[in-house]
Amino acid sequence: MALEITDANFEEIVMNSDKPVLVDFWAAWCGPCKMLGPVVEQIAGEYEGKAVVGKLDVDANQKYAAQFGVRNIPTVLVFQNGELVGRQVGVAPKKAYTEVIDKLLA
């Protein structure tokens, strides 16, 4: 299951991770976000133990959305060793998200 990422735990979960981290920036009112949600949950299950997968509600947690220039949702950011290494704005096929993680794990 995808982790709930907040402004309070972002540093610990995302920036200090020794694994690749995929963060879905979303909001409850966002239709495309609801479409992407199950895909993010699938990825979380498939990469358990290999990568960290989480969701950040931009309505409740605006600090890191602003810091990383998230202007449209859903936006999925991928981090490696605390650095932003991938960005996908809008809904994309699952493979668009998993390819980035796979390259980092290779």
N, C-alpha and C. Protein backbone atom coordinates (compact mmCIF):
# COMPACT_ATOMS: atom_id res chain seq x y z
N MET A 1 0.83 -1.19 0.00
CA MET A 1 0.00 0.00 0.00
C MET A 1 0.88 1.26 0.00
N ALA A 2 0.45 2.25 -0.74
CA ALA A 2 1.20 3.50 -0.82
C ALA A 2 1.19 4.20 0.54
N LEU A 3 2.33 4.78 0.90
CA LEU A 3 2.45 5.50 2.16
C LEU A 3 1.78 6.86 2.06
N GLU A 4 1.28 7.36 3.17
CA GLU A 4 0.77 8.73 3.21
C GLU A 4 1.94 9.65 3.52
N ILE A 5 2.27 10.49 2.56
CA ILE A 5 3.39 11.42 2.74
C ILE A 5 2.81 12.80 3.04
N THR A 6 3.38 13.46 4.04
CA THR A 6 2.92 14.79 4.45
C THR A 6 4.13 15.73 4.49
N ASP A 7 3.84 17.01 4.69
CA ASP A 7 4.94 17.96 4.86
C ASP A 7 5.81 17.57 6.05
N ALA A 8 5.17 16.98 7.08
CA ALA A 8 5.89 16.64 8.31
C ALA A 8 6.85 15.46 8.13
N ASN A 9 6.49 14.48 7.27
CA ASN A 9 7.35 13.29 7.13
C ASN A 9 8.08 13.21 5.79
N PHE A 10 7.95 14.22 4.94
CA PHE A 10 8.55 14.20 3.60
C PHE A 10 10.06 14.00 3.66
N GLU A 11 10.74 14.78 4.50
CA GLU A 11 12.21 14.67 4.61
C GLU A 11 12.61 13.24 4.94
N GLU A 12 11.96 12.69 5.97
CA GLU A 12 12.31 11.35 6.45
C GLU A 12 12.04 10.27 5.39
N ILE A 13 10.85 10.30 4.80
CA ILE A 13 10.46 9.23 3.87
C ILE A 13 11.10 9.40 2.49
N VAL A 14 11.11 10.61 1.97
CA VAL A 14 11.53 10.84 0.58
C VAL A 14 13.02 11.20 0.48
N MET A 15 13.42 12.23 1.18
CA MET A 15 14.77 12.76 1.01
C MET A 15 15.85 11.87 1.64
N ASN A 16 15.50 11.13 2.69
CA ASN A 16 16.48 10.30 3.38
C ASN A 16 16.42 8.83 2.99
N SER A 17 15.63 8.49 1.98
CA SER A 17 15.48 7.09 1.59
C SER A 17 16.71 6.59 0.83
N ASP A 18 17.07 5.34 1.08
CA ASP A 18 18.17 4.73 0.31
C ASP A 18 17.62 3.96 -0.90
N LYS A 19 16.31 4.04 -1.10
CA LYS A 19 15.65 3.39 -2.25
C LYS A 19 15.03 4.48 -3.12
N PRO A 20 14.74 4.16 -4.38
CA PRO A 20 13.99 5.12 -5.20
C PRO A 20 12.63 5.40 -4.55
N VAL A 21 12.15 6.63 -4.69
CA VAL A 21 10.87 7.02 -4.10
C VAL A 21 9.98 7.64 -5.17
N LEU A 22 8.77 7.10 -5.31
CA LEU A 22 7.77 7.65 -6.22
C LEU A 22 6.71 8.34 -5.37
N VAL A 23 6.45 9.62 -5.65
CA VAL A 23 5.46 10.38 -4.89
C VAL A 23 4.37 10.88 -5.84
N ASP A 24 3.13 10.49 -5.55
CA ASP A 24 1.96 10.94 -6.30
C ASP A 24 1.39 12.16 -5.60
N PHE A 25 1.48 13.34 -6.23
CA PHE A 25 0.87 14.56 -5.71
C PHE A 25 -0.56 14.60 -6.22
N TRP A 26 -1.54 14.59 -5.32
CA TRP A 26 -2.94 14.43 -5.71
C TRP A 26 -3.84 15.25 -4.80
N ALA A 27 -5.15 15.25 -5.11
CA ALA A 27 -6.17 15.86 -4.24
C ALA A 27 -7.46 15.06 -4.39
N ALA A 28 -8.26 15.05 -3.33
CA ALA A 28 -9.48 14.24 -3.29
C ALA A 28 -10.50 14.66 -4.36
N TRP A 29 -10.54 15.94 -4.73
CA TRP A 29 -11.51 16.45 -5.69
C TRP A 29 -11.10 16.24 -7.15
N CYS A 30 -9.90 15.75 -7.37
CA CYS A 30 -9.31 15.67 -8.72
C CYS A 30 -9.68 14.35 -9.41
N GLY A 31 -10.47 14.43 -10.48
CA GLY A 31 -10.90 13.24 -11.22
C GLY A 31 -9.75 12.40 -11.75
N PRO A 32 -8.81 13.02 -12.49
CA PRO A 32 -7.66 12.23 -13.00
C PRO A 32 -6.85 11.59 -11.88
N CYS A 33 -6.79 12.27 -10.71
CA CYS A 33 -6.06 11.69 -9.56
C CYS A 33 -6.72 10.38 -9.13
N LYS A 34 -8.05 10.36 -9.17
CA LYS A 34 -8.79 9.15 -8.78
C LYS A 34 -8.52 8.02 -9.77
N MET A 35 -8.33 8.37 -11.03
CA MET A 35 -8.00 7.35 -12.04
C MET A 35 -6.61 6.78 -11.79
N LEU A 36 -5.68 7.63 -11.38
CA LEU A 36 -4.30 7.20 -11.17
C LEU A 36 -4.10 6.45 -9.87
N GLY A 37 -4.95 6.71 -8.88
CA GLY A 37 -4.81 6.10 -7.56
C GLY A 37 -4.59 4.60 -7.55
N PRO A 38 -5.45 3.82 -8.23
CA PRO A 38 -5.25 2.37 -8.24
C PRO A 38 -3.93 1.94 -8.89
N VAL A 39 -3.46 2.69 -9.87
CA VAL A 39 -2.19 2.38 -10.53
C VAL A 39 -1.04 2.57 -9.53
N VAL A 40 -1.10 3.66 -8.77
CA VAL A 40 -0.07 3.93 -7.76
C VAL A 40 -0.08 2.82 -6.71
N GLU A 41 -1.27 2.37 -6.31
CA GLU A 41 -1.37 1.28 -5.33
C GLU A 41 -0.78 -0.01 -5.88
N GLN A 42 -1.02 -0.30 -7.17
CA GLN A 42 -0.44 -1.49 -7.81
C GLN A 42 1.08 -1.41 -7.78
N ILE A 43 1.62 -0.26 -8.15
CA ILE A 43 3.07 -0.07 -8.16
C ILE A 43 3.63 -0.26 -6.75
N ALA A 44 2.93 0.27 -5.76
CA ALA A 44 3.37 0.13 -4.36
C ALA A 44 3.49 -1.34 -3.99
N GLY A 45 2.52 -2.14 -4.40
CA GLY A 45 2.56 -3.58 -4.11
C GLY A 45 3.68 -4.29 -4.85
N GLU A 46 3.84 -3.97 -6.12
CA GLU A 46 4.83 -4.65 -6.96
C GLU A 46 6.27 -4.31 -6.57
N TYR A 47 6.49 -3.12 -6.04
CA TYR A 47 7.85 -2.68 -5.72
C TYR A 47 8.13 -2.67 -4.22
N GLU A 48 7.26 -3.31 -3.45
CA GLU A 48 7.45 -3.36 -2.01
C GLU A 48 8.81 -3.95 -1.67
N GLY A 49 9.57 -3.25 -0.83
CA GLY A 49 10.90 -3.70 -0.46
C GLY A 49 11.99 -3.23 -1.40
N LYS A 50 11.61 -2.80 -2.63
CA LYS A 50 12.60 -2.34 -3.61
C LYS A 50 12.57 -0.83 -3.79
N ALA A 51 11.36 -0.26 -3.67
CA ALA A 51 11.19 1.19 -3.84
C ALA A 51 10.11 1.65 -2.86
N VAL A 52 10.11 2.94 -2.58
CA VAL A 52 9.11 3.53 -1.70
C VAL A 52 8.09 4.24 -2.59
N VAL A 53 6.80 3.98 -2.34
CA VAL A 53 5.73 4.59 -3.12
C VAL A 53 4.78 5.28 -2.15
N GLY A 54 4.52 6.56 -2.40
CA GLY A 54 3.65 7.30 -1.51
C GLY A 54 2.78 8.31 -2.24
N LYS A 55 1.80 8.83 -1.49
CA LYS A 55 0.87 9.81 -2.02
C LYS A 55 0.88 11.03 -1.10
N LEU A 56 0.91 12.22 -1.70
CA LEU A 56 0.90 13.46 -0.95
C LEU A 56 -0.32 14.29 -1.37
N ASP A 57 -1.22 14.54 -0.43
CA ASP A 57 -2.43 15.34 -0.67
C ASP A 57 -2.02 16.81 -0.71
N VAL A 58 -2.11 17.43 -1.89
CA VAL A 58 -1.62 18.81 -2.04
C VAL A 58 -2.50 19.84 -1.32
N ASP A 59 -3.75 19.49 -1.04
CA ASP A 59 -4.60 20.43 -0.31
C ASP A 59 -4.16 20.54 1.15
N ALA A 60 -3.75 19.43 1.73
CA ALA A 60 -3.35 19.41 3.14
C ALA A 60 -1.86 19.69 3.33
N ASN A 61 -1.08 19.49 2.28
CA ASN A 61 0.39 19.60 2.37
C ASN A 61 0.92 20.36 1.17
N GLN A 62 1.13 21.66 1.34
CA GLN A 62 1.49 22.49 0.19
C GLN A 62 2.98 22.82 0.10
N LYS A 63 3.73 22.60 1.17
CA LYS A 63 5.13 23.01 1.20
C LYS A 63 5.95 22.38 0.08
N TYR A 64 5.92 21.06 -0.01
CA TYR A 64 6.78 20.39 -1.00
C TYR A 64 6.20 20.45 -2.41
N ALA A 65 4.87 20.55 -2.52
CA ALA A 65 4.27 20.76 -3.83
C ALA A 65 4.79 22.07 -4.42
N ALA A 66 4.84 23.11 -3.59
CA ALA A 66 5.36 24.40 -4.04
C ALA A 66 6.86 24.32 -4.30
N GLN A 67 7.59 23.66 -3.42
CA GLN A 67 9.05 23.57 -3.56
C GLN A 67 9.46 22.91 -4.86
N PHE A 68 8.70 21.88 -5.29
CA PHE A 68 9.05 21.15 -6.51
C PHE A 68 8.22 21.59 -7.73
N GLY A 69 7.54 22.73 -7.60
CA GLY A 69 6.86 23.31 -8.76
C GLY A 69 5.68 22.49 -9.27
N VAL A 70 4.97 21.84 -8.38
CA VAL A 70 3.79 21.07 -8.79
C VAL A 70 2.63 22.04 -8.96
N ARG A 71 2.24 22.27 -10.23
CA ARG A 71 1.18 23.22 -10.53
C ARG A 71 -0.08 22.53 -11.02
N ASN A 72 0.07 21.35 -11.56
CA ASN A 72 -1.07 20.56 -12.04
C ASN A 72 -1.03 19.21 -11.35
N ILE A 73 -2.22 18.67 -11.11
CA ILE A 73 -2.27 17.33 -10.51
C ILE A 73 -3.14 16.44 -11.38
N PRO A 74 -2.88 15.14 -11.40
CA PRO A 74 -1.80 14.51 -10.66
C PRO A 74 -0.42 14.79 -11.27
N THR A 75 0.55 14.91 -10.40
CA THR A 75 1.95 14.95 -10.80
C THR A 75 2.68 13.89 -9.99
N VAL A 76 3.45 13.07 -10.68
CA VAL A 76 4.23 12.03 -10.00
C VAL A 76 5.70 12.40 -10.12
N LEU A 77 6.36 12.51 -8.97
CA LEU A 77 7.79 12.81 -8.94
C LEU A 77 8.53 11.58 -8.44
N VAL A 78 9.72 11.36 -9.00
CA VAL A 78 10.56 10.24 -8.57
C VAL A 78 11.87 10.82 -8.05
N PHE A 79 12.27 10.32 -6.88
CA PHE A 79 13.48 10.78 -6.22
C PHE A 79 14.46 9.63 -6.05
N GLN A 80 15.74 9.95 -6.11
CA GLN A 80 16.80 8.98 -5.83
C GLN A 80 17.85 9.71 -5.01
N ASN A 81 18.15 9.18 -3.83
CA ASN A 81 19.14 9.81 -2.94
C ASN A 81 18.82 11.28 -2.67
N GLY A 82 17.53 11.58 -2.49
CA GLY A 82 17.11 12.94 -2.17
C GLY A 82 17.08 13.90 -3.34
N GLU A 83 17.35 13.41 -4.55
CA GLU A 83 17.32 14.26 -5.74
C GLU A 83 16.16 13.91 -6.63
N LEU A 84 15.52 14.93 -7.19
CA LEU A 84 14.43 14.73 -8.14
C LEU A 84 15.02 14.20 -9.45
N VAL A 85 14.59 13.01 -9.87
CA VAL A 85 15.14 12.41 -11.09
C VAL A 85 14.08 12.10 -12.15
N GLY A 86 12.80 12.30 -11.80
CA GLY A 86 11.74 12.03 -12.77
C GLY A 86 10.48 12.80 -12.45
N ARG A 87 9.75 13.20 -13.51
CA ARG A 87 8.50 13.96 -13.34
C ARG A 87 7.53 13.54 -14.43
N GLN A 88 6.30 13.22 -14.03
CA GLN A 88 5.24 12.91 -14.98
C GLN A 88 4.01 13.71 -14.57
N VAL A 89 3.57 14.61 -15.43
CA VAL A 89 2.39 15.42 -15.13
C VAL A 89 1.21 14.83 -15.87
N GLY A 90 0.09 14.66 -15.16
CA GLY A 90 -1.10 14.07 -15.75
C GLY A 90 -1.05 12.55 -15.67
N VAL A 91 -2.14 11.94 -16.09
CA VAL A 91 -2.22 10.48 -16.04
C VAL A 91 -1.48 9.89 -17.23
N ALA A 92 -0.66 8.88 -16.96
CA ALA A 92 0.09 8.19 -18.00
C ALA A 92 -0.07 6.69 -17.79
N PRO A 93 0.28 5.88 -18.78
CA PRO A 93 0.23 4.43 -18.57
C PRO A 93 1.15 4.01 -17.43
N LYS A 94 0.80 2.94 -16.77
CA LYS A 94 1.59 2.43 -15.64
C LYS A 94 3.07 2.29 -16.00
N LYS A 95 3.34 1.85 -17.22
CA LYS A 95 4.71 1.63 -17.66
C LYS A 95 5.55 2.91 -17.59
N ALA A 96 4.93 4.07 -17.78
CA ALA A 96 5.66 5.34 -17.71
C ALA A 96 6.25 5.55 -16.32
N TYR A 97 5.57 5.05 -15.31
CA TYR A 97 6.05 5.20 -13.93
C TYR A 97 7.04 4.10 -13.56
N THR A 98 6.74 2.87 -13.98
CA THR A 98 7.59 1.75 -13.59
C THR A 98 8.94 1.78 -14.31
N GLU A 99 8.98 2.29 -15.54
CA GLU A 99 10.24 2.36 -16.29
C GLU A 99 11.28 3.20 -15.54
N VAL A 100 10.83 4.32 -14.95
CA VAL A 100 11.74 5.21 -14.23
C VAL A 100 12.31 4.45 -13.02
N ILE A 101 11.45 3.77 -12.28
CA ILE A 101 11.91 3.01 -11.11
C ILE A 101 12.86 1.90 -11.55
N ASP A 102 12.48 1.18 -12.60
CA ASP A 102 13.31 0.07 -13.07
C ASP A 102 14.72 0.53 -13.45
N LYS A 103 14.83 1.70 -14.10
CA LYS A 103 16.15 2.22 -14.46
C LYS A 103 16.98 2.51 -13.22
N LEU A 104 16.35 3.02 -12.17
CA LEU A 104 17.07 3.35 -10.95
C LEU A 104 17.50 2.08 -10.19
N LEU A 105 16.73 1.02 -10.36
CA LEU A 105 17.06 -0.24 -9.67
C LEU A 105 18.07 -1.07 -10.44
N ALA A 106 18.27 -0.76 -11.72
CA ALA A 106 19.16 -1.56 -12.57
C ALA A 106 20.62 -1.43 -12.16
